[in-house]
Amino acid sequence: MNKLDELIRDALQGEDRAILDNTEELGFFALGLSQFRGKLGWVTWVIMIVQSVMFLIGLLCAVRFFQSTEVLEAVKWGISGAVLWIAGINLKLSLTPQMQADRVIREIKRVELMLASQSR
């Protein structure tokens, strides 16, 4: 926390201080876990469940790939597993823009509070 944050915290009282505490900057893992709550939390749950299923099926394909004795069979299982893993990674990475949007919204709320405290 820097000096400006401390000055803002000291200037605010009551409800404004509670709002400031609720808009504090979150770490990476806390921000990631916060995606599972709120109005769009169900979307994150669906994405993570689908991504996990794709990973497990990709893992099964990888096992079959290494167990295969024929080239065509190895190609079939290898490409299937690789496509599932890449699609799963893309699904998981689709949550990153929402995390960034949440960070920006939190900072905008902090700026609103700073402006509100100056106007008093």
Protein backbone atom coordinates (compact mmCIF):
# COMPACT_ATOMS: atom_id res chain seq x y z
CA MET A 1 0.00 0.00 0.00
CA ASN A 2 1.39 3.40 -0.88
CA LYS A 3 1.12 6.74 0.89
CA LEU A 4 -1.84 7.89 -1.23
CA ASP A 5 -3.86 4.82 -0.24
CA GLU A 6 -3.13 5.49 3.42
CA LEU A 7 -4.24 9.13 3.10
CA ILE A 8 -7.46 8.10 1.38
CA ARG A 9 -8.15 5.46 4.05
CA ASP A 10 -7.63 8.03 6.83
CA ALA A 11 -9.91 10.57 5.12
CA LEU A 12 -12.83 8.20 4.71
CA GLN A 13 -15.16 7.14 7.48
CA GLY A 14 -18.03 4.73 7.93
CA GLU A 15 -19.65 3.43 4.76
CA ASP A 16 -17.04 4.98 2.48
CA ARG A 17 -14.27 3.14 4.33
CA ALA A 18 -16.14 -0.16 3.93
CA ILE A 19 -16.47 0.48 0.20
CA LEU A 20 -12.75 1.22 -0.01
CA ASP A 21 -11.96 -2.04 1.80
CA ASN A 22 -14.17 -3.94 -0.66
CA THR A 23 -12.34 -2.45 -3.65
CA GLU A 24 -8.81 -3.22 -2.47
CA GLU A 25 -6.51 -4.70 -5.08
CA LEU A 26 -6.57 -8.50 -5.10
CA GLY A 27 -3.66 -10.81 -5.81
CA PHE A 28 -3.62 -13.08 -8.86
CA PHE A 29 -5.01 -16.16 -7.13
CA ALA A 30 -7.64 -14.23 -5.17
CA LEU A 31 -8.73 -12.53 -8.40
CA GLY A 32 -8.90 -15.88 -10.17
CA LEU A 33 -10.98 -17.44 -7.40
CA SER A 34 -13.32 -14.44 -7.38
CA GLN A 35 -14.38 -15.41 -10.91
CA PHE A 36 -16.37 -18.30 -9.42
CA ARG A 37 -18.70 -15.90 -7.55
CA GLY A 38 -21.15 -13.27 -8.70
CA LYS A 39 -23.65 -13.12 -11.52
CA LEU A 40 -21.37 -14.80 -14.05
CA GLY A 41 -19.82 -17.32 -11.67
CA TRP A 42 -21.78 -20.15 -13.26
CA VAL A 43 -20.04 -19.48 -16.59
CA THR A 44 -16.65 -19.94 -14.95
CA TRP A 45 -17.81 -23.18 -13.35
CA VAL A 46 -19.03 -24.51 -16.72
CA ILE A 47 -15.79 -23.52 -18.46
CA MET A 48 -13.64 -25.17 -15.80
CA ILE A 49 -15.72 -28.38 -15.77
CA VAL A 50 -15.63 -28.65 -19.57
CA GLN A 51 -11.89 -27.88 -19.56
CA SER A 52 -11.26 -30.58 -16.96
CA VAL A 53 -13.22 -33.15 -18.95
CA MET A 54 -11.28 -32.22 -22.09
CA PHE A 55 -8.00 -32.62 -20.20
CA LEU A 56 -8.97 -36.06 -18.90
CA ILE A 57 -10.10 -37.27 -22.32
CA GLY A 58 -6.87 -35.85 -23.79
CA LEU A 59 -4.95 -37.78 -21.16
CA LEU A 60 -6.76 -40.97 -22.20
CA CYS A 61 -5.86 -40.21 -25.83
CA ALA A 62 -2.21 -39.73 -24.84
CA VAL A 63 -2.16 -43.10 -23.08
CA ARG A 64 -3.70 -44.75 -26.15
CA PHE A 65 -1.15 -42.94 -28.33
CA PHE A 66 1.77 -44.40 -26.41
CA GLN A 67 0.18 -47.86 -26.34
CA SER A 68 -0.54 -47.99 -30.07
CA THR A 69 1.49 -50.28 -32.30
CA GLU A 70 0.36 -49.01 -35.70
CA VAL A 71 1.19 -45.62 -37.17
CA LEU A 72 -2.37 -44.73 -38.25
CA GLU A 73 -3.71 -45.54 -34.80
CA ALA A 74 -0.95 -43.46 -33.16
CA VAL A 75 -1.72 -40.51 -35.43
CA LYS A 76 -5.44 -40.74 -34.65
CA TRP A 77 -4.93 -40.78 -30.87
CA GLY A 78 -2.08 -38.26 -30.92
CA ILE A 79 -3.95 -35.63 -32.92
CA SER A 80 -7.13 -36.16 -30.90
CA GLY A 81 -5.27 -35.69 -27.62
CA ALA A 82 -3.39 -32.64 -28.84
CA VAL A 83 -6.55 -30.96 -30.12
CA LEU A 84 -8.36 -31.62 -26.84
CA TRP A 85 -5.48 -30.20 -24.78
CA ILE A 86 -5.17 -27.10 -26.97
CA ALA A 87 -8.94 -26.49 -26.85
CA GLY A 88 -8.88 -26.93 -23.06
CA ILE A 89 -6.06 -24.41 -22.71
CA ASN A 90 -7.98 -21.95 -24.88
CA LEU A 91 -11.05 -22.37 -22.69
CA LYS A 92 -9.06 -21.69 -19.54
CA LEU A 93 -7.34 -18.68 -21.08
CA SER A 94 -10.74 -17.26 -22.06
CA LEU A 95 -11.16 -16.29 -18.39
CA THR A 96 -8.18 -13.92 -18.46
CA PRO A 97 -10.00 -10.95 -20.09
CA GLN A 98 -12.71 -11.13 -17.42
CA MET A 99 -10.05 -11.06 -14.70
CA GLN A 100 -8.51 -7.98 -16.30
CA ALA A 101 -11.93 -6.32 -16.59
CA ASP A 102 -12.53 -6.96 -12.88
CA ARG A 103 -9.18 -5.33 -12.04
CA VAL A 104 -10.09 -2.25 -14.10
CA ILE A 105 -13.56 -2.01 -12.51
CA ARG A 106 -12.00 -2.17 -9.03
CA GLU A 107 -9.61 0.67 -9.89
CA ILE A 108 -12.45 2.79 -11.31
CA LYS A 109 -14.35 2.31 -8.05
CA ARG A 110 -11.27 3.46 -6.15
CA VAL A 111 -11.05 6.58 -8.34
CA GLU A 112 -14.73 7.29 -7.74
CA LEU A 113 -14.12 7.09 -4.01
CA MET A 114 -11.16 9.45 -4.24
CA LEU A 115 -13.28 11.96 -6.16
CA ALA A 116 -16.12 11.60 -3.68
CA SER A 117 -13.79 12.25 -0.75
CA GLN A 118 -12.39 15.39 -2.43
CA SER A 119 -15.82 16.85 -3.13
CA ARG A 120 -16.75 16.89 0.58
